[in-house]
Amino acid sequence: GNLAIGYQASPNIDSSTGSQSTFIGYQSGNIATSSLNTTAVGYRTLASLITDPAFGGGYENSALGNASMYNTTRGYSNSAFGNYSLYNNTTGYENSAFGDRALLSNTTGFRGSAFGKSALANGGNSSSSVAFGYSAGAGSGGHTKQGGTYIGTESGASASNNSDFNTFVGYRTGYSVTTGSNNIAIGANIELP
């Protein structure tokens, strides 16, 4: 069965094609017609969800927080906890976002893990990156970096396109690196030449 609580919370779910899903909050799962193993709690969480067996996706998502995963249509196996976490995600999959605005701008990126306010916030199509800390790996608007590891407050905070496979560990480490790739920096305020 499914559970819906709140004004316009999953009003179109067809119980014959959707099961084991929970939508709680104003317009939570608002346009979803089917869903599988999905939990959405909060104002407009997963409001754009589309689950269509013919196209795949849109299942096994967990969203908690104001507008968390708001634009997700066919993304699957995502976990987002925090206001606006994974907000712009559309078809991205297997992402974990924990913190206010974590993975905010991700649209199609996959297998990203962001823990902390604004961690990996500005990557539109970033994949397989890990960030722990406030604005860790936040980057500039719409970047597509991949495979980065950012641990510490604002580590790799300016990373942009072509800043792939960097490892920055420490407070503001690699803060001003925008396009360098395959770098390793460990320690507080470490910058690369």
C-alpha atoms as a PDB file:
ATOM      1  CA  GLY A   1       0.000   0.000   0.000  1.00  0.00           C
ATOM      2  CA  ASN A   2       0.847   3.682  -0.151  1.00  0.00           C
ATOM      3  CA  LEU A   3       0.431   6.483   2.368  1.00  0.00           C
ATOM      4  CA  ALA A   4      -0.259  10.121   1.471  1.00  0.00           C
ATOM      5  CA  ILE A   5      -0.779  12.888   4.018  1.00  0.00           C
ATOM      6  CA  GLY A   6      -1.059  16.564   3.106  1.00  0.00           C
ATOM      7  CA  TYR A   7      -2.700  18.840   0.570  1.00  0.00           C
ATOM      8  CA  GLN A   8      -2.099  17.461  -2.954  1.00  0.00           C
ATOM      9  CA  ALA A   9       0.259  14.807  -1.617  1.00  0.00           C
ATOM     10  CA  SER A  10       0.548  12.228  -4.420  1.00  0.00           C
ATOM     11  CA  PRO A  11      -3.053  12.721  -5.605  1.00  0.00           C
ATOM     12  CA  ASN A  12      -2.483  10.708  -8.800  1.00  0.00           C
ATOM     13  CA  ILE A  13      -0.869   7.552  -7.448  1.00  0.00           C
ATOM     14  CA  ASP A  14      -2.389   4.460  -9.002  1.00  0.00           C
ATOM     15  CA  SER A  15      -2.341   1.744  -6.356  1.00  0.00           C
ATOM     16  CA  SER A  16      -2.110  -0.927  -9.044  1.00  0.00           C
ATOM     17  CA  THR A  17       1.264   0.399 -10.287  1.00  0.00           C
ATOM     18  CA  GLY A  18       2.641   2.084  -7.189  1.00  0.00           C
ATOM     19  CA  SER A  19       3.359   0.394  -3.893  1.00  0.00           C
ATOM     20  CA  GLN A  20       5.181   0.734  -0.611  1.00  0.00           C
ATOM     21  CA  SER A  21       5.546   4.501  -0.889  1.00  0.00           C
ATOM     22  CA  THR A  22       4.960   7.324   1.574  1.00  0.00           C
ATOM     23  CA  PHE A  23       4.311  10.973   0.697  1.00  0.00           C
ATOM     24  CA  ILE A  24       3.855  13.426   3.563  1.00  0.00           C
ATOM     25  CA  GLY A  25       3.625  17.183   3.079  1.00  0.00           C
ATOM     26  CA  TYR A  26       2.137  19.813   0.811  1.00  0.00           C
ATOM     27  CA  GLN A  27       2.410  18.632  -2.831  1.00  0.00           C
ATOM     28  CA  SER A  28       4.802  15.871  -1.888  1.00  0.00           C
ATOM     29  CA  GLY A  29       4.905  13.558  -4.927  1.00  0.00           C
ATOM     30  CA  ASN A  30       2.412  15.899  -6.566  1.00  0.00           C
ATOM     31  CA  ILE A  31       2.517  14.558 -10.161  1.00  0.00           C
ATOM     32  CA  ALA A  32       3.594  10.979  -9.430  1.00  0.00           C
ATOM     33  CA  THR A  33       1.317   8.376 -10.977  1.00  0.00           C
ATOM     34  CA  SER A  34       3.179   5.375  -9.650  1.00  0.00           C
ATOM     35  CA  SER A  35       6.001   4.833  -7.240  1.00  0.00           C
ATOM     36  CA  LEU A  36       7.909   1.983  -5.702  1.00  0.00           C
ATOM     37  CA  ASN A  37       9.662   1.991  -2.325  1.00  0.00           C
ATOM     38  CA  THR A  38       9.770   5.783  -2.143  1.00  0.00           C
ATOM     39  CA  THR A  39       9.589   8.039   0.908  1.00  0.00           C
ATOM     40  CA  ALA A  40       9.068  11.794   0.628  1.00  0.00           C
ATOM     41  CA  VAL A  41       8.532  13.937   3.708  1.00  0.00           C
ATOM     42  CA  GLY A  42       8.332  17.719   3.572  1.00  0.00           C
ATOM     43  CA  TYR A  43       6.945  20.618   1.595  1.00  0.00           C
ATOM     44  CA  ARG A  44       7.058  19.764  -2.146  1.00  0.00           C
ATOM     45  CA  THR A  45       9.493  16.863  -1.762  1.00  0.00           C
ATOM     46  CA  LEU A  46       9.737  14.789  -4.937  1.00  0.00           C
ATOM     47  CA  ALA A  47       7.005  17.011  -6.396  1.00  0.00           C
ATOM     48  CA  SER A  48       8.016  16.261 -10.017  1.00  0.00           C
ATOM     49  CA  LEU A  49       8.488  12.507  -9.669  1.00  0.00           C
ATOM     50  CA  ILE A  50       7.585  10.414 -12.711  1.00  0.00           C
ATOM     51  CA  THR A  51       7.715   6.667 -12.508  1.00  0.00           C
ATOM     52  CA  ASP A  52       7.111   4.959 -15.795  1.00  0.00           C
ATOM     53  CA  PRO A  53       8.041   1.298 -16.247  1.00  0.00           C
ATOM     54  CA  ALA A  54       8.534   1.894 -19.981  1.00  0.00           C
ATOM     55  CA  PHE A  55      11.282   4.463 -19.318  1.00  0.00           C
ATOM     56  CA  GLY A  56      12.534   3.281 -15.952  1.00  0.00           C
ATOM     57  CA  GLY A  57      13.579   5.293 -12.947  1.00  0.00           C
ATOM     58  CA  GLY A  58      11.684   7.320 -10.401  1.00  0.00           C
ATOM     59  CA  TYR A  59      11.785   4.625  -7.740  1.00  0.00           C
ATOM     60  CA  GLU A  60      13.503   3.863  -4.436  1.00  0.00           C
ATOM     61  CA  ASN A  61      14.118   7.503  -3.537  1.00  0.00           C
ATOM     62  CA  SER A  62      14.128   8.967  -0.027  1.00  0.00           C
ATOM     63  CA  ALA A  63      13.676  12.705   0.430  1.00  0.00           C
ATOM     64  CA  LEU A  64      13.303  14.616   3.684  1.00  0.00           C
ATOM     65  CA  GLY A  65      13.282  18.409   3.917  1.00  0.00           C
ATOM     66  CA  ASN A  66      11.698  21.428   2.313  1.00  0.00           C
ATOM     67  CA  ALA A  67      11.708  20.933  -1.508  1.00  0.00           C
ATOM     68  CA  SER A  68      14.201  18.092  -1.226  1.00  0.00           C
ATOM     69  CA  MET A  69      14.566  16.408  -4.649  1.00  0.00           C
ATOM     70  CA  TYR A  70      11.912  18.803  -5.960  1.00  0.00           C
ATOM     71  CA  ASN A  71      12.769  18.430  -9.676  1.00  0.00           C
ATOM     72  CA  THR A  72      13.545  14.712  -9.686  1.00  0.00           C
ATOM     73  CA  THR A  73      11.631  13.060 -12.503  1.00  0.00           C
ATOM     74  CA  ARG A  74      13.179   9.667 -13.234  1.00  0.00           C
ATOM     75  CA  GLY A  75      16.136   9.641 -10.866  1.00  0.00           C
ATOM     76  CA  TYR A  76      16.350   6.526  -8.733  1.00  0.00           C
ATOM     77  CA  SER A  77      18.005   5.176  -5.591  1.00  0.00           C
ATOM     78  CA  ASN A  78      18.746   8.688  -4.282  1.00  0.00           C
ATOM     79  CA  SER A  79      18.758   9.791  -0.643  1.00  0.00           C
ATOM     80  CA  ALA A  80      18.368  13.473   0.168  1.00  0.00           C
ATOM     81  CA  PHE A  81      18.050  14.867   3.671  1.00  0.00           C
ATOM     82  CA  GLY A  82      18.009  18.623   4.154  1.00  0.00           C
ATOM     83  CA  ASN A  83      16.253  21.630   2.696  1.00  0.00           C
ATOM     84  CA  TYR A  84      16.772  21.858  -1.088  1.00  0.00           C
ATOM     85  CA  SER A  85      19.089  18.845  -1.081  1.00  0.00           C
ATOM     86  CA  LEU A  86      19.311  17.377  -4.613  1.00  0.00           C
ATOM     87  CA  TYR A  87      16.799  20.088  -5.545  1.00  0.00           C
ATOM     88  CA  ASN A  88      17.565  20.251  -9.294  1.00  0.00           C
ATOM     89  CA  ASN A  89      18.180  16.540  -9.744  1.00  0.00           C
ATOM     90  CA  THR A  90      16.183  15.208 -12.696  1.00  0.00           C
ATOM     91  CA  THR A  91      17.531  11.816 -13.733  1.00  0.00           C
ATOM     92  CA  GLY A  92      20.619  11.529 -11.533  1.00  0.00           C
ATOM     93  CA  TYR A  93      20.826   8.271  -9.644  1.00  0.00           C
ATOM     94  CA  GLU A  94      22.448   6.632  -6.621  1.00  0.00           C
ATOM     95  CA  ASN A  95      23.312   9.971  -5.003  1.00  0.00           C
ATOM     96  CA  SER A  96      23.410  10.747  -1.273  1.00  0.00           C
ATOM     97  CA  ALA A  97      22.925  14.327  -0.114  1.00  0.00           C
ATOM     98  CA  PHE A  98      22.852  15.187   3.574  1.00  0.00           C
ATOM     99  CA  GLY A  99      22.675  18.852   4.500  1.00  0.00           C
ATOM    100  CA  ASP A 100      20.965  22.037   3.456  1.00  0.00           C
ATOM    101  CA  ARG A 101      21.538  22.514  -0.326  1.00  0.00           C
ATOM    102  CA  ALA A 102      23.834  19.491  -0.607  1.00  0.00           C
ATOM    103  CA  LEU A 103      24.096  18.507  -4.302  1.00  0.00           C
ATOM    104  CA  LEU A 104      21.675  21.377  -4.959  1.00  0.00           C
ATOM    105  CA  SER A 105      22.382  21.827  -8.695  1.00  0.00           C
ATOM    106  CA  ASN A 106      22.956  18.199  -9.630  1.00  0.00           C
ATOM    107  CA  THR A 107      20.747  17.337 -12.604  1.00  0.00           C
ATOM    108  CA  THR A 108      22.020  14.108 -14.141  1.00  0.00           C
ATOM    109  CA  GLY A 109      25.106  13.271 -12.087  1.00  0.00           C
ATOM    110  CA  PHE A 110      25.322   9.903 -10.412  1.00  0.00           C
ATOM    111  CA  ARG A 111      26.932   8.229  -7.405  1.00  0.00           C
ATOM    112  CA  GLY A 112      27.819  11.474  -5.667  1.00  0.00           C
ATOM    113  CA  SER A 113      27.987  11.696  -1.868  1.00  0.00           C
ATOM    114  CA  ALA A 114      27.682  15.096  -0.218  1.00  0.00           C
ATOM    115  CA  PHE A 115      27.595  15.631   3.533  1.00  0.00           C
ATOM    116  CA  GLY A 116      27.355  19.203   4.823  1.00  0.00           C
ATOM    117  CA  LYS A 117      25.646  22.449   3.937  1.00  0.00           C
ATOM    118  CA  SER A 118      26.231  23.247   0.257  1.00  0.00           C
ATOM    119  CA  ALA A 119      28.577  20.295  -0.233  1.00  0.00           C
ATOM    120  CA  LEU A 120      28.931  19.632  -4.002  1.00  0.00           C
ATOM    121  CA  ALA A 121      26.214  22.279  -4.370  1.00  0.00           C
ATOM    122  CA  ASN A 122      26.943  23.645  -7.843  1.00  0.00           C
ATOM    123  CA  GLY A 123      27.757  20.570  -9.923  1.00  0.00           C
ATOM    124  CA  GLY A 124      25.196  20.163 -12.672  1.00  0.00           C
ATOM    125  CA  ASN A 125      26.495  16.853 -13.952  1.00  0.00           C
ATOM    126  CA  SER A 126      29.149  15.805 -11.465  1.00  0.00           C
ATOM    127  CA  SER A 127      29.570  12.111 -10.875  1.00  0.00           C
ATOM    128  CA  SER A 128      31.336   9.847  -8.412  1.00  0.00           C
ATOM    129  CA  SER A 129      32.571  12.652  -6.155  1.00  0.00           C
ATOM    130  CA  VAL A 130      32.603  12.670  -2.365  1.00  0.00           C
ATOM    131  CA  ALA A 131      32.438  15.775  -0.170  1.00  0.00           C
ATOM    132  CA  PHE A 132      32.341  16.134   3.618  1.00  0.00           C
ATOM    133  CA  GLY A 133      32.068  19.583   5.173  1.00  0.00           C
ATOM    134  CA  TYR A 134      30.536  22.990   4.660  1.00  0.00           C
ATOM    135  CA  SER A 135      30.782  23.930   0.944  1.00  0.00           C
ATOM    136  CA  ALA A 136      33.243  21.101   0.342  1.00  0.00           C
ATOM    137  CA  GLY A 137      33.603  20.675  -3.435  1.00  0.00           C
ATOM    138  CA  ALA A 138      30.837  23.243  -3.941  1.00  0.00           C
ATOM    139  CA  GLY A 139      32.436  24.584  -7.117  1.00  0.00           C
ATOM    140  CA  SER A 140      31.208  27.240  -9.488  1.00  0.00           C
ATOM    141  CA  GLY A 141      27.895  27.093 -11.320  1.00  0.00           C
ATOM    142  CA  GLY A 142      27.171  24.145 -13.569  1.00  0.00           C
ATOM    143  CA  HIS A 143      30.523  22.385 -13.416  1.00  0.00           C
ATOM    144  CA  THR A 144      30.903  18.760 -14.447  1.00  0.00           C
ATOM    145  CA  LYS A 145      33.860  17.545 -12.390  1.00  0.00           C
ATOM    146  CA  GLN A 146      34.055  13.885 -11.478  1.00  0.00           C
ATOM    147  CA  GLY A 147      35.834  11.513  -9.159  1.00  0.00           C
ATOM    148  CA  GLY A 148      36.886  14.120  -6.607  1.00  0.00           C
ATOM    149  CA  THR A 149      37.313  13.711  -2.861  1.00  0.00           C
ATOM    150  CA  TYR A 150      36.846  16.848  -0.757  1.00  0.00           C
ATOM    151  CA  ILE A 151      37.084  16.565   3.010  1.00  0.00           C
ATOM    152  CA  GLY A 152      36.996  19.677   5.187  1.00  0.00           C
ATOM    153  CA  THR A 153      35.228  23.024   5.267  1.00  0.00           C
ATOM    154  CA  GLU A 154      35.460  24.687   1.827  1.00  0.00           C
ATOM    155  CA  SER A 155      38.006  22.165   0.543  1.00  0.00           C
ATOM    156  CA  GLY A 156      37.906  22.356  -3.256  1.00  0.00           C
ATOM    157  CA  ALA A 157      35.220  25.029  -2.974  1.00  0.00           C
ATOM    158  CA  SER A 158      36.122  26.648  -6.325  1.00  0.00           C
ATOM    159  CA  ALA A 159      36.466  23.435  -8.344  1.00  0.00           C
ATOM    160  CA  SER A 160      34.967  23.742 -11.807  1.00  0.00           C
ATOM    161  CA  ASN A 161      35.046  21.978 -15.180  1.00  0.00           C
ATOM    162  CA  ASN A 162      38.151  19.888 -15.805  1.00  0.00           C
ATOM    163  CA  SER A 163      38.987  19.635 -12.122  1.00  0.00           C
ATOM    164  CA  ASP A 164      38.578  15.880 -12.101  1.00  0.00           C
ATOM    165  CA  PHE A 165      40.025  13.279  -9.729  1.00  0.00           C
ATOM    166  CA  ASN A 166      41.359  15.721  -7.140  1.00  0.00           C
ATOM    167  CA  THR A 167      41.795  14.798  -3.485  1.00  0.00           C
ATOM    168  CA  PHE A 168      41.746  17.725  -1.048  1.00  0.00           C
ATOM    169  CA  VAL A 169      41.778  17.050   2.684  1.00  0.00           C
ATOM    170  CA  GLY A 170      41.743  19.856   5.261  1.00  0.00           C
ATOM    171  CA  TYR A 171      40.231  23.230   5.979  1.00  0.00           C
ATOM    172  CA  ARG A 172      40.057  25.262   2.716  1.00  0.00           C
ATOM    173  CA  THR A 173      42.558  22.948   1.042  1.00  0.00           C
ATOM    174  CA  GLY A 174      42.600  23.459  -2.716  1.00  0.00           C
ATOM    175  CA  TYR A 175      40.138  26.310  -2.240  1.00  0.00           C
ATOM    176  CA  SER A 176      41.198  28.276  -5.328  1.00  0.00           C
ATOM    177  CA  VAL A 177      41.806  25.334  -7.684  1.00  0.00           C
ATOM    178  CA  THR A 178      39.391  25.732 -10.577  1.00  0.00           C
ATOM    179  CA  THR A 179      40.588  23.475 -13.399  1.00  0.00           C
ATOM    180  CA  GLY A 180      43.532  21.374 -12.201  1.00  0.00           C
ATOM    181  CA  SER A 181      43.104  17.596 -12.236  1.00  0.00           C
ATOM    182  CA  ASN A 182      44.687  14.585 -10.517  1.00  0.00           C
ATOM    183  CA  ASN A 183      46.009  16.635  -7.575  1.00  0.00           C
ATOM    184  CA  ILE A 184      46.442  15.628  -3.950  1.00  0.00           C
ATOM    185  CA  ALA A 185      46.673  18.209  -1.162  1.00  0.00           C
ATOM    186  CA  ILE A 186      46.474  17.497   2.563  1.00  0.00           C
ATOM    187  CA  GLY A 187      46.510  20.097   5.354  1.00  0.00           C
ATOM    188  CA  ALA A 188      44.796  23.338   6.254  1.00  0.00           C
ATOM    189  CA  ASN A 189      44.815  26.162   3.666  1.00  0.00           C
ATOM    190  CA  ILE A 190      47.046  24.265   1.250  1.00  0.00           C
ATOM    191  CA  GLU A 191      47.033  25.745  -2.252  1.00  0.00           C
ATOM    192  CA  LEU A 192      48.548  24.329  -5.398  1.00  0.00           C
ATOM    193  CA  PRO A 193      50.849  26.285  -7.738  1.00  0.00           C
END
